[in-house]
PDB file of N, CA and C in Angstrom:
ATOM      1  N   MET A   1     328.044 115.691 169.754  1.00  0.00           N
ATOM      2  CA  MET A   1     328.195 115.867 168.321  1.00  0.00           C
ATOM      3  C   MET A   1     329.191 116.996 168.063  1.00  0.00           C
ATOM      4  N   SER A   2     330.164 116.738 167.219  1.00  0.00           N
ATOM      5  CA  SER A   2     331.181 117.735 166.911  1.00  0.00           C
ATOM      6  C   SER A   2     330.648 118.776 165.935  1.00  0.00           C
ATOM      7  N   THR A   3     331.145 120.005 166.103  1.00  0.00           N
ATOM      8  CA  THR A   3     330.861 121.049 165.129  1.00  0.00           C
ATOM      9  C   THR A   3     332.183 121.465 164.491  1.00  0.00           C
ATOM     10  N   TYR A   4     332.138 121.625 163.172  1.00  0.00           N
ATOM     11  CA  TYR A   4     333.322 121.974 162.407  1.00  0.00           C
ATOM     12  C   TYR A   4     333.084 123.304 161.712  1.00  0.00           C
ATOM     13  N   THR A   5     334.055 124.206 161.835  1.00  0.00           N
ATOM     14  CA  THR A   5     333.933 125.530 161.215  1.00  0.00           C
ATOM     15  C   THR A   5     335.269 125.949 160.629  1.00  0.00           C
ATOM     16  N   ASN A   6     335.238 127.057 159.907  1.00  0.00           N
ATOM     17  CA  ASN A   6     336.451 127.683 159.350  1.00  0.00           C
ATOM     18  C   ASN A   6     337.309 126.700 158.562  1.00  0.00           C
ATOM     19  N   ILE A   7     336.695 125.970 157.661  1.00  0.00           N
ATOM     20  CA  ILE A   7     337.425 124.980 156.876  1.00  0.00           C
ATOM     21  C   ILE A   7     338.222 125.695 155.785  1.00  0.00           C
ATOM     22  N   LYS A   8     339.509 125.348 155.705  1.00  0.00           N
ATOM     23  CA  LYS A   8     340.390 125.910 154.688  1.00  0.00           C
ATOM     24  C   LYS A   8     341.161 124.789 154.020  1.00  0.00           C
ATOM     25  N   LEU A   9     341.337 124.927 152.711  1.00  0.00           N
ATOM     26  CA  LEU A   9     342.165 123.998 151.947  1.00  0.00           C
ATOM     27  C   LEU A   9     343.329 124.788 151.381  1.00  0.00           C
ATOM     28  N   GLY A  10     344.534 124.346 151.673  1.00  0.00           N
ATOM     29  CA  GLY A  10     345.710 125.061 151.191  1.00  0.00           C
ATOM     30  C   GLY A  10     345.704 126.517 151.611  1.00  0.00           C
ATOM     31  N   GLY A  11     345.132 126.827 152.759  1.00  0.00           N
ATOM     32  CA  GLY A  11     345.066 128.195 153.270  1.00  0.00           C
ATOM     33  C   GLY A  11     343.917 129.019 152.722  1.00  0.00           C
ATOM     34  N   LYS A  12     343.108 128.456 151.816  1.00  0.00           N
ATOM     35  CA  LYS A  12     341.977 129.188 151.216  1.00  0.00           C
ATOM     36  C   LYS A  12     340.674 128.776 151.890  1.00  0.00           C
ATOM     37  N   SER A  13     339.900 129.756 152.333  1.00  0.00           N
ATOM     38  CA  SER A  13     338.587 129.467 152.910  1.00  0.00           C
ATOM     39  C   SER A  13     337.667 128.927 151.826  1.00  0.00           C
ATOM     40  N   ILE A  14     336.892 127.908 152.184  1.00  0.00           N
ATOM     41  CA  ILE A  14     335.940 127.325 151.238  1.00  0.00           C
ATOM     42  C   ILE A  14     334.541 127.365 151.822  1.00  0.00           C
ATOM     43  N   LYS A  15     333.563 127.171 150.957  1.00  0.00           N
ATOM     44  CA  LYS A  15     332.174 127.102 151.402  1.00  0.00           C
ATOM     45  C   LYS A  15     332.016 125.917 152.346  1.00  0.00           C
ATOM     46  N   GLN A  16     331.286 126.113 153.424  1.00  0.00           N
ATOM     47  CA  GLN A  16     331.042 125.055 154.404  1.00  0.00           C
ATOM     48  C   GLN A  16     330.253 123.920 153.738  1.00  0.00           C
ATOM     49  N   PRO A  17     330.812 122.708 153.697  1.00  0.00           N
ATOM     50  CA  PRO A  17     330.068 121.594 153.124  1.00  0.00           C
ATOM     51  C   PRO A  17     328.973 121.135 154.084  1.00  0.00           C
ATOM     52  N   PHE A  18     327.950 120.494 153.525  1.00  0.00           N
ATOM     53  CA  PHE A  18     326.918 119.924 154.383  1.00  0.00           C
ATOM     54  C   PHE A  18     326.464 118.606 153.778  1.00  0.00           C
ATOM     55  N   PRO A  19     326.726 117.514 154.429  1.00  0.00           N
ATOM     56  CA  PRO A  19     327.452 117.458 155.691  1.00  0.00           C
ATOM     57  C   PRO A  19     328.962 117.439 155.475  1.00  0.00           C
ATOM     58  N   PHE A  20     329.685 117.713 156.548  1.00  0.00           N
ATOM     59  CA  PHE A  20     331.134 117.552 156.602  1.00  0.00           C
ATOM     60  C   PHE A  20     331.379 116.601 157.754  1.00  0.00           C
ATOM     61  N   THR A  21     331.972 115.463 157.469  1.00  0.00           N
ATOM     62  CA  THR A  21     332.223 114.487 158.528  1.00  0.00           C
ATOM     63  C   THR A  21     333.678 114.044 158.482  1.00  0.00           C
ATOM     64  N   ILE A  22     334.123 113.547 159.607  1.00  0.00           N
ATOM     65  CA  ILE A  22     335.489 113.053 159.716  1.00  0.00           C
ATOM     66  C   ILE A  22     335.439 111.617 160.221  1.00  0.00           C
ATOM     67  N   GLU A  23     336.090 110.724 159.484  1.00  0.00           N
ATOM     68  CA  GLU A  23     336.255 109.345 159.932  1.00  0.00           C
ATOM     69  C   GLU A  23     337.652 109.209 160.509  1.00  0.00           C
ATOM     70  N   ARG A  24     337.743 108.568 161.638  1.00  0.00           N
ATOM     71  CA  ARG A  24     339.042 108.318 162.268  1.00  0.00           C
ATOM     72  C   ARG A  24     339.280 106.816 162.269  1.00  0.00           C
ATOM     73  N   TYR A  25     340.490 106.415 161.900  1.00  0.00           N
ATOM     74  CA  TYR A  25     340.764 104.990 161.879  1.00  0.00           C
ATOM     75  C   TYR A  25     342.227 104.716 162.186  1.00  0.00           C
ATOM     76  N   ASN A  26     342.479 103.482 162.553  1.00  0.00           N
ATOM     77  CA  ASN A  26     343.827 103.033 162.884  1.00  0.00           C
ATOM     78  C   ASN A  26     344.383 102.206 161.731  1.00  0.00           C
ATOM     79  N   ILE A  27     345.641 102.436 161.411  1.00  0.00           N
ATOM     80  CA  ILE A  27     346.348 101.585 160.460  1.00  0.00           C
ATOM     81  C   ILE A  27     347.194 100.643 161.307  1.00  0.00           C
ATOM     82  N   THR A  28     346.997  99.358 161.088  1.00  0.00           N
ATOM     83  CA  THR A  28     347.655  98.371 161.931  1.00  0.00           C
ATOM     84  C   THR A  28     348.418  97.350 161.096  1.00  0.00           C
ATOM     85  N   LYS A  29     349.315  96.668 161.769  1.00  0.00           N
ATOM     86  CA  LYS A  29     350.026  95.542 161.178  1.00  0.00           C
ATOM     87  C   LYS A  29     349.688  94.353 162.061  1.00  0.00           C
ATOM     88  N   ALA A  30     349.026  93.365 161.484  1.00  0.00           N
ATOM     89  CA  ALA A  30     348.576  92.210 162.254  1.00  0.00           C
ATOM     90  C   ALA A  30     349.323  90.962 161.818  1.00  0.00           C
ATOM     91  N   GLY A  31     349.426  90.034 162.725  1.00  0.00           N
ATOM     92  CA  GLY A  31     350.064  88.755 162.423  1.00  0.00           C
ATOM     93  C   GLY A  31     349.755  87.752 163.514  1.00  0.00           C
ATOM     94  N   ARG A  32     350.244  86.566 163.346  1.00  0.00           N
ATOM     95  CA  ARG A  32     350.052  85.518 164.343  1.00  0.00           C
ATOM     96  C   ARG A  32     351.408  84.923 164.694  1.00  0.00           C
ATOM     97  N   VAL A  33     351.569  84.609 165.961  1.00  0.00           N
ATOM     98  CA  VAL A  33     352.784  83.952 166.436  1.00  0.00           C
ATOM     99  C   VAL A  33     352.585  82.445 166.334  1.00  0.00           C
ATOM    100  N   ALA A  34     353.639  81.680 166.602  1.00  0.00           N
ATOM    101  CA  ALA A  34     353.602  80.228 166.439  1.00  0.00           C
ATOM    102  C   ALA A  34     352.465  79.570 167.224  1.00  0.00           C
ATOM    103  N   SER A  35     352.082  80.131 168.367  1.00  0.00           N
ATOM    104  CA  SER A  35     350.998  79.538 169.169  1.00  0.00           C
ATOM    105  C   SER A  35     349.617  79.829 168.585  1.00  0.00           C
ATOM    106  N   GLY A  36     349.566  80.687 167.566  1.00  0.00           N
ATOM    107  CA  GLY A  36     348.287  81.060 166.978  1.00  0.00           C
ATOM    108  C   GLY A  36     347.717  82.344 167.544  1.00  0.00           C
ATOM    109  N   LEU A  37     348.363  82.897 168.569  1.00  0.00           N
ATOM    110  CA  LEU A  37     347.894  84.140 169.174  1.00  0.00           C
ATOM    111  C   LEU A  37     348.109  85.297 168.203  1.00  0.00           C
ATOM    112  N   MET A  38     347.107  86.125 168.064  1.00  0.00           N
ATOM    113  CA  MET A  38     347.211  87.260 167.154  1.00  0.00           C
ATOM    114  C   MET A  38     347.984  88.397 167.811  1.00  0.00           C
ATOM    115  N   THR A  39     348.834  89.042 167.012  1.00  0.00           N
ATOM    116  CA  THR A  39     349.524  90.251 167.461  1.00  0.00           C
ATOM    117  C   THR A  39     349.044  91.401 166.587  1.00  0.00           C
ATOM    118  N   LEU A  40     349.047  92.596 167.159  1.00  0.00           N
ATOM    119  CA  LEU A  40     348.549  93.755 166.430  1.00  0.00           C
ATOM    120  C   LEU A  40     349.359  94.966 166.858  1.00  0.00           C
ATOM    121  N   ASP A  41     350.019  95.600 165.885  1.00  0.00           N
ATOM    122  CA  ASP A  41     350.801  96.798 166.153  1.00  0.00           C
ATOM    123  C   ASP A  41     350.106  97.990 165.517  1.00  0.00           C
ATOM    124  N   LEU A  42     350.016  99.082 166.263  1.00  0.00           N
ATOM    125  CA  LEU A  42     349.464 100.317 165.723  1.00  0.00           C
ATOM    126  C   LEU A  42     350.550 101.013 164.918  1.00  0.00           C
ATOM    127  N   VAL A  43     350.309 101.199 163.617  1.00  0.00           N
ATOM    128  CA  VAL A  43     351.267 101.865 162.737  1.00  0.00           C
ATOM    129  C   VAL A  43     351.005 103.367 162.738  1.00  0.00           C
ATOM    130  N   ALA A  44     349.725 103.767 162.616  1.00  0.00           N
ATOM    131  CA  ALA A  44     349.385 105.192 162.589  1.00  0.00           C
ATOM    132  C   ALA A  44     347.895 105.375 162.830  1.00  0.00           C
ATOM    133  N   LYS A  45     347.535 106.568 163.285  1.00  0.00           N
ATOM    134  CA  LYS A  45     346.143 106.986 163.387  1.00  0.00           C
ATOM    135  C   LYS A  45     345.914 107.998 162.271  1.00  0.00           C
ATOM    136  N   LYS A  46     344.865 107.807 161.472  1.00  0.00           N
ATOM    137  CA  LYS A  46     344.604 108.658 160.317  1.00  0.00           C
ATOM    138  C   LYS A  46     343.155 109.119 160.318  1.00  0.00           C
ATOM    139  N   ARG A  47     342.904 110.170 159.511  1.00  0.00           N
ATOM    140  CA  ARG A  47     341.554 110.707 159.347  1.00  0.00           C
ATOM    141  C   ARG A  47     341.210 110.778 157.867  1.00  0.00           C
ATOM    142  N   LYS A  48     339.920 110.621 157.594  1.00  0.00           N
ATOM    143  CA  LYS A  48     339.384 110.848 156.252  1.00  0.00           C
ATOM    144  C   LYS A  48     338.307 111.913 156.399  1.00  0.00           C
ATOM    145  N   PHE A  49     338.389 112.950 155.559  1.00  0.00           N
ATOM    146  CA  PHE A  49     337.470 114.078 155.605  1.00  0.00           C
ATOM    147  C   PHE A  49     336.489 113.943 154.446  1.00  0.00           C
ATOM    148  N   LEU A  50     335.196 113.871 154.746  1.00  0.00           N
ATOM    149  CA  LEU A  50     334.170 113.651 153.730  1.00  0.00           C
ATOM    150  C   LEU A  50     333.402 114.944 153.492  1.00  0.00           C
ATOM    151  N   PHE A  51     333.455 115.423 152.246  1.00  0.00           N
ATOM    152  CA  PHE A  51     332.809 116.671 151.840  1.00  0.00           C
ATOM    153  C   PHE A  51     331.597 116.347 150.975  1.00  0.00           C
ATOM    154  N   ARG A  52     330.472 117.014 151.247  1.00  0.00           N
ATOM    155  CA  ARG A  52     329.262 116.828 150.449  1.00  0.00           C
ATOM    156  C   ARG A  52     328.618 118.188 150.191  1.00  0.00           C
ATOM    157  N   TYR A  53     328.285 118.445 148.933  1.00  0.00           N
ATOM    158  CA  TYR A  53     327.539 119.644 148.548  1.00  0.00           C
ATOM    159  C   TYR A  53     326.404 119.191 147.638  1.00  0.00           C
ATOM    160  N   SER A  54     325.164 119.504 147.974  1.00  0.00           N
ATOM    161  CA  SER A  54     324.070 119.178 147.063  1.00  0.00           C
ATOM    162  C   SER A  54     324.156 120.087 145.840  1.00  0.00           C
ATOM    163  N   SER A  55     324.595 121.338 146.048  1.00  0.00           N
ATOM    164  CA  SER A  55     324.897 122.242 144.938  1.00  0.00           C
ATOM    165  C   SER A  55     325.900 123.279 145.416  1.00  0.00           C
ATOM    166  N   ILE A  56     326.698 123.772 144.468  1.00  0.00           N
ATOM    167  CA  ILE A  56     327.748 124.731 144.800  1.00  0.00           C
ATOM    168  C   ILE A  56     327.987 125.601 143.562  1.00  0.00           C
ATOM    169  N   SER A  57     328.241 126.874 143.775  1.00  0.00           N
ATOM    170  CA  SER A  57     328.460 127.794 142.658  1.00  0.00           C
ATOM    171  C   SER A  57     329.773 127.473 141.949  1.00  0.00           C
ATOM    172  N   GLY A  58     329.877 127.947 140.712  1.00  0.00           N
ATOM    173  CA  GLY A  58     331.101 127.756 139.948  1.00  0.00           C
ATOM    174  C   GLY A  58     332.308 128.378 140.624  1.00  0.00           C
ATOM    175  N   SER A  59     332.156 129.564 141.206  1.00  0.00           N
ATOM    176  CA  SER A  59     333.307 130.209 141.858  1.00  0.00           C
ATOM    177  C   SER A  59     333.719 129.458 143.121  1.00  0.00           C
ATOM    178  N   ASP A  60     332.744 128.931 143.886  1.00  0.00           N
ATOM    179  CA  ASP A  60     333.094 128.135 145.074  1.00  0.00           C
ATOM    180  C   ASP A  60     333.793 126.838 144.667  1.00  0.00           C
ATOM    181  N   MET A  61     333.324 126.229 143.588  1.00  0.00           N
ATOM    182  CA  MET A  61     333.954 125.004 143.089  1.00  0.00           C
ATOM    183  C   MET A  61     335.368 125.297 142.594  1.00  0.00           C
ATOM    184  N   ASN A  62     335.554 126.416 141.900  1.00  0.00           N
ATOM    185  CA  ASN A  62     336.885 126.784 141.408  1.00  0.00           C
ATOM    186  C   ASN A  62     337.866 126.986 142.554  1.00  0.00           C
ATOM    187  N   THR A  63     337.410 127.557 143.659  1.00  0.00           N
ATOM    188  CA  THR A  63     338.286 127.737 144.824  1.00  0.00           C
ATOM    189  C   THR A  63     338.768 126.382 145.330  1.00  0.00           C
ATOM    190  N   ILE A  64     337.856 125.433 145.434  1.00  0.00           N
ATOM    191  CA  ILE A  64     338.215 124.084 145.897  1.00  0.00           C
ATOM    192  C   ILE A  64     339.170 123.422 144.909  1.00  0.00           C
ATOM    193  N   LEU A  65     338.812 123.451 143.623  1.00  0.00           N
ATOM    194  CA  LEU A  65     339.646 122.785 142.612  1.00  0.00           C
ATOM    195  C   LEU A  65     341.024 123.419 142.463  1.00  0.00           C
ATOM    196  N   SER A  66     341.139 124.717 142.758  1.00  0.00           N
ATOM    197  CA  SER A  66     342.447 125.378 142.655  1.00  0.00           C
ATOM    198  C   SER A  66     343.449 124.798 143.650  1.00  0.00           C
ATOM    199  N   VAL A  67     342.959 124.114 144.655  1.00  0.00           N
ATOM    200  CA  VAL A  67     343.843 123.472 145.635  1.00  0.00           C
ATOM    201  C   VAL A  67     343.944 121.971 145.393  1.00  0.00           C
ATOM    202  N   ILE A  68     342.827 121.298 145.181  1.00  0.00           N
ATOM    203  CA  ILE A  68     342.863 119.839 145.157  1.00  0.00           C
ATOM    204  C   ILE A  68     343.063 119.224 143.778  1.00  0.00           C
ATOM    205  N   ASP A  69     342.850 119.980 142.711  1.00  0.00           N
ATOM    206  CA  ASP A  69     342.995 119.439 141.358  1.00  0.00           C
ATOM    207  C   ASP A  69     344.197 120.076 140.676  1.00  0.00           C
ATOM    208  N   THR A  70     345.363 119.858 141.260  1.00  0.00           N
ATOM    209  CA  THR A  70     346.613 120.407 140.730  1.00  0.00           C
ATOM    210  C   THR A  70     347.635 119.278 140.622  1.00  0.00           C
ATOM    211  N   ASN A  71     348.840 119.612 140.230  1.00  0.00           N
ATOM    212  CA  ASN A  71     349.915 118.614 140.174  1.00  0.00           C
ATOM    213  C   ASN A  71     350.559 118.372 141.532  1.00  0.00           C
ATOM    214  N   ASP A  72     350.216 119.189 142.536  1.00  0.00           N
ATOM    215  CA  ASP A  72     350.707 118.959 143.890  1.00  0.00           C
ATOM    216  C   ASP A  72     349.812 117.907 144.529  1.00  0.00           C
ATOM    217  N   MET A  73     350.368 116.788 144.889  1.00  0.00           N
ATOM    218  CA  MET A  73     349.563 115.684 145.404  1.00  0.00           C
ATOM    219  C   MET A  73     349.090 115.908 146.840  1.00  0.00           C
ATOM    220  N   PHE A  74     349.868 116.627 147.637  1.00  0.00           N
ATOM    221  CA  PHE A  74     349.526 116.825 149.044  1.00  0.00           C
ATOM    222  C   PHE A  74     349.303 118.297 149.334  1.00  0.00           C
ATOM    223  N   PHE A  75     348.377 118.587 150.228  1.00  0.00           N
ATOM    224  CA  PHE A  75     348.078 119.953 150.644  1.00  0.00           C
ATOM    225  C   PHE A  75     347.486 119.897 152.045  1.00  0.00           C
ATOM    226  N   THR A  76     347.269 121.052 152.639  1.00  0.00           N
ATOM    227  CA  THR A  76     346.764 121.071 154.016  1.00  0.00           C
ATOM    228  C   THR A  76     345.260 121.349 154.063  1.00  0.00           C
ATOM    229  N   ILE A  77     344.653 120.771 155.069  1.00  0.00           N
ATOM    230  CA  ILE A  77     343.298 121.135 155.456  1.00  0.00           C
ATOM    231  C   ILE A  77     343.406 121.655 156.885  1.00  0.00           C
ATOM    232  N   SER A  78     342.733 122.753 157.149  1.00  0.00           N
ATOM    233  CA  SER A  78     342.661 123.255 158.518  1.00  0.00           C
ATOM    234  C   SER A  78     341.203 123.548 158.820  1.00  0.00           C
ATOM    235  N   TYR A  79     340.845 123.398 160.089  1.00  0.00           N
ATOM    236  CA  TYR A  79     339.463 123.565 160.512  1.00  0.00           C
ATOM    237  C   TYR A  79     339.434 123.712 162.027  1.00  0.00           C
ATOM    238  N   GLU A  80     338.302 124.111 162.530  1.00  0.00           N
ATOM    239  CA  GLU A  80     338.088 124.140 163.975  1.00  0.00           C
ATOM    240  C   GLU A  80     337.084 123.068 164.327  1.00  0.00           C
ATOM    241  N   GLU A  81     337.429 122.278 165.332  1.00  0.00           N
ATOM    242  CA  GLU A  81     336.526 121.242 165.838  1.00  0.00           C
ATOM    243  C   GLU A  81     336.169 121.606 167.266  1.00  0.00           C
ATOM    244  N   ASN A  82     334.923 121.974 167.469  1.00  0.00           N
ATOM    245  CA  ASN A  82     334.463 122.410 168.779  1.00  0.00           C
ATOM    246  C   ASN A  82     335.351 123.515 169.352  1.00  0.00           C
ATOM    247  N   GLY A  83     335.746 124.457 168.485  1.00  0.00           N
ATOM    248  CA  GLY A  83     336.534 125.601 168.910  1.00  0.00           C
ATOM    249  C   GLY A  83     338.031 125.371 168.981  1.00  0.00           C
ATOM    250  N   VAL A  84     338.503 124.157 168.668  1.00  0.00           N
ATOM    251  CA  VAL A  84     339.930 123.832 168.724  1.00  0.00           C
ATOM    252  C   VAL A  84     340.476 123.749 167.300  1.00  0.00           C
ATOM    253  N   ALA A  85     341.537 124.508 167.012  1.00  0.00           N
ATOM    254  CA  ALA A  85     342.150 124.508 165.682  1.00  0.00           C
ATOM    255  C   ALA A  85     342.870 123.183 165.436  1.00  0.00           C
ATOM    256  N   LYS A  86     342.612 122.596 164.257  1.00  0.00           N
ATOM    257  CA  LYS A  86     343.253 121.338 163.873  1.00  0.00           C
ATOM    258  C   LYS A  86     343.659 121.435 162.409  1.00  0.00           C
ATOM    259  N   SER A  87     344.606 120.580 162.007  1.00  0.00           N
ATOM    260  CA  SER A  87     345.021 120.559 160.601  1.00  0.00           C
ATOM    261  C   SER A  87     345.594 119.189 160.267  1.00  0.00           C
ATOM    262  N   ALA A  88     345.742 118.945 158.963  1.00  0.00           N
ATOM    263  CA  ALA A  88     346.323 117.692 158.482  1.00  0.00           C
ATOM    264  C   ALA A  88     346.847 117.910 157.074  1.00  0.00           C
ATOM    265  N   THR A  89     347.814 117.094 156.691  1.00  0.00           N
ATOM    266  CA  THR A  89     348.270 117.045 155.308  1.00  0.00           C
ATOM    267  C   THR A  89     347.490 115.919 154.646  1.00  0.00           C
ATOM    268  N   VAL A  90     346.868 116.226 153.502  1.00  0.00           N
ATOM    269  CA  VAL A  90     345.940 115.294 152.871  1.00  0.00           C
ATOM    270  C   VAL A  90     346.165 115.209 151.361  1.00  0.00           C
ATOM    271  N   TYR A  91     345.508 114.228 150.757  1.00  0.00           N
ATOM    272  CA  TYR A  91     345.420 114.131 149.296  1.00  0.00           C
ATOM    273  C   TYR A  91     343.970 113.851 148.944  1.00  0.00           C
ATOM    274  N   ALA A  92     343.604 114.135 147.689  1.00  0.00           N
ATOM    275  CA  ALA A  92     342.213 114.013 147.259  1.00  0.00           C
ATOM    276  C   ALA A  92     341.950 112.676 146.588  1.00  0.00           C
ATOM    277  N   GLY A  93     340.757 112.147 146.868  1.00  0.00           N
ATOM    278  CA  GLY A  93     340.242 111.010 146.111  1.00  0.00           C
ATOM    279  C   GLY A  93     339.573 111.541 144.850  1.00  0.00           C
ATOM    280  N   HIS A  94     338.708 110.754 144.243  1.00  0.00           N
ATOM    281  CA  HIS A  94     338.006 111.207 143.038  1.00  0.00           C
ATOM    282  C   HIS A  94     336.966 112.271 143.397  1.00  0.00           C
ATOM    283  N   ILE A  95     336.556 113.063 142.401  1.00  0.00           N
ATOM    284  CA  ILE A  95     335.656 114.194 142.637  1.00  0.00           C
ATOM    285  C   ILE A  95     334.480 114.121 141.659  1.00  0.00           C
ATOM    286  N   PRO A  96     333.494 113.266 141.935  1.00  0.00           N
ATOM    287  CA  PRO A  96     332.337 113.227 141.039  1.00  0.00           C
ATOM    288  C   PRO A  96     331.458 114.466 141.222  1.00  0.00           C
ATOM    289  N   SER A  97     330.917 114.980 140.117  1.00  0.00           N
ATOM    290  CA  SER A  97     330.042 116.153 140.169  1.00  0.00           C
ATOM    291  C   SER A  97     329.333 116.287 138.837  1.00  0.00           C
ATOM    292  N   GLU A  98     328.308 117.107 138.825  1.00  0.00           N
ATOM    293  CA  GLU A  98     327.541 117.322 137.607  1.00  0.00           C
ATOM    294  C   GLU A  98     327.322 118.822 137.417  1.00  0.00           C
ATOM    295  N   LEU A  99     327.718 119.344 136.269  1.00  0.00           N
ATOM    296  CA  LEU A  99     327.526 120.756 135.945  1.00  0.00           C
ATOM    297  C   LEU A  99     326.135 120.929 135.348  1.00  0.00           C
ATOM    298  N   VAL A 100     325.340 121.820 135.946  1.00  0.00           N
ATOM    299  CA  VAL A 100     323.970 122.063 135.475  1.00  0.00           C
ATOM    300  C   VAL A 100     323.734 123.555 135.327  1.00  0.00           C
ATOM    301  N   ARG A 101     322.666 123.889 134.608  1.00  0.00           N
ATOM    302  CA  ARG A 101     322.353 125.294 134.358  1.00  0.00           C
ATOM    303  C   ARG A 101     320.903 125.571 134.746  1.00  0.00           C
ATOM    304  N   SER A 102     320.707 126.713 135.388  1.00  0.00           N
ATOM    305  CA  SER A 102     319.368 127.178 135.733  1.00  0.00           C
ATOM    306  C   SER A 102     319.264 128.612 135.211  1.00  0.00           C
ATOM    307  N   GLY A 103     318.542 128.797 134.118  1.00  0.00           N
ATOM    308  CA  GLY A 103     318.499 130.112 133.484  1.00  0.00           C
ATOM    309  C   GLY A 103     319.869 130.445 132.928  1.00  0.00           C
ATOM    310  N   SER A 104     320.437 131.565 133.366  1.00  0.00           N
ATOM    311  CA  SER A 104     321.767 131.947 132.899  1.00  0.00           C
ATOM    312  C   SER A 104     322.866 131.549 133.896  1.00  0.00           C
ATOM    313  N   GLU A 105     322.480 130.922 135.008  1.00  0.00           N
ATOM    314  CA  GLU A 105     323.440 130.547 136.058  1.00  0.00           C
ATOM    315  C   GLU A 105     323.880 129.091 135.919  1.00  0.00           C
ATOM    316  N   TRP A 106     325.185 128.880 136.030  1.00  0.00           N
ATOM    317  CA  TRP A 106     325.751 127.531 136.049  1.00  0.00           C
ATOM    318  C   TRP A 106     326.154 127.208 137.485  1.00  0.00           C
ATOM    319  N   TYR A 107     325.941 125.967 137.886  1.00  0.00           N
ATOM    320  CA  TYR A 107     326.378 125.525 139.196  1.00  0.00           C
ATOM    321  C   TYR A 107     326.669 124.030 139.146  1.00  0.00           C
ATOM    322  N   TRP A 108     327.343 123.555 140.191  1.00  0.00           N
ATOM    323  CA  TRP A 108     327.701 122.145 140.285  1.00  0.00           C
ATOM    324  C   TRP A 108     326.732 121.462 141.238  1.00  0.00           C
ATOM    325  N   LYS A 109     326.312 120.266 140.870  1.00  0.00           N
ATOM    326  CA  LYS A 109     325.336 119.516 141.645  1.00  0.00           C
ATOM    327  C   LYS A 109     325.961 118.202 142.109  1.00  0.00           C
ATOM    328  N   ASP A 110     325.588 117.760 143.302  1.00  0.00           N
ATOM    329  CA  ASP A 110     326.024 116.477 143.852  1.00  0.00           C
ATOM    330  C   ASP A 110     327.548 116.337 143.882  1.00  0.00           C
ATOM    331  N   VAL A 111     328.200 117.356 144.403  1.00  0.00           N
ATOM    332  CA  VAL A 111     329.665 117.323 144.557  1.00  0.00           C
ATOM    333  C   VAL A 111     329.973 116.529 145.827  1.00  0.00           C
ATOM    334  N   ASP A 112     330.835 115.556 145.684  1.00  0.00           N
ATOM    335  CA  ASP A 112     331.076 114.590 146.752  1.00  0.00           C
ATOM    336  C   ASP A 112     332.528 114.136 146.649  1.00  0.00           C
ATOM    337  N   PHE A 113     333.367 114.492 147.621  1.00  0.00           N
ATOM    338  CA  PHE A 113     334.759 114.066 147.556  1.00  0.00           C
ATOM    339  C   PHE A 113     335.316 113.846 148.959  1.00  0.00           C
ATOM    340  N   ASP A 114     336.384 113.069 149.016  1.00  0.00           N
ATOM    341  CA  ASP A 114     337.053 112.767 150.283  1.00  0.00           C
ATOM    342  C   ASP A 114     338.494 113.233 150.222  1.00  0.00           C
ATOM    343  N   LEU A 115     338.993 113.671 151.347  1.00  0.00           N
ATOM    344  CA  LEU A 115     340.411 113.983 151.513  1.00  0.00           C
ATOM    345  C   LEU A 115     340.956 113.021 152.543  1.00  0.00           C
ATOM    346  N   ILE A 116     342.068 112.367 152.213  1.00  0.00           N
ATOM    347  CA  ILE A 116     342.620 111.315 153.058  1.00  0.00           C
ATOM    348  C   ILE A 116     343.945 111.798 153.631  1.00  0.00           C
ATOM    349  N   GLU A 117     344.101 111.600 154.929  1.00  0.00           N
ATOM    350  CA  GLU A 117     345.334 112.048 155.598  1.00  0.00           C
ATOM    351  C   GLU A 117     346.533 111.250 155.092  1.00  0.00           C
ATOM    352  N   ARG A 118     347.618 111.957 154.889  1.00  0.00           N
ATOM    353  CA  ARG A 118     348.862 111.367 154.376  1.00  0.00           C
ATOM    354  C   ARG A 118     349.409 110.334 155.326  1.00  0.00           C
TER     355      ARG A 118
END
């Protein structure tokens, strides 16, 4: 099982999501030749980074949004996977969340978003 630490978006440290998972997949170009045999070319290997927070403070959410909710479509993610530094250029999918209040404190609930490798 992989462990991921020191997650940064656009060079900014963010709160460790739980869970944080990475999907790896191949982008391929498939076709068939005249005999009916399938051909398959590997175009690229890509990753999707899945972030989940059951709740997160307003300031932690603002740090994340200051990178992913801007007019810049692409930004970097960096992290350590089992002690090895890795990074990727990514873009954000949709960011569903719910703002709730407990007493005088506001926080975000059920924050769930994906970053997709360029």
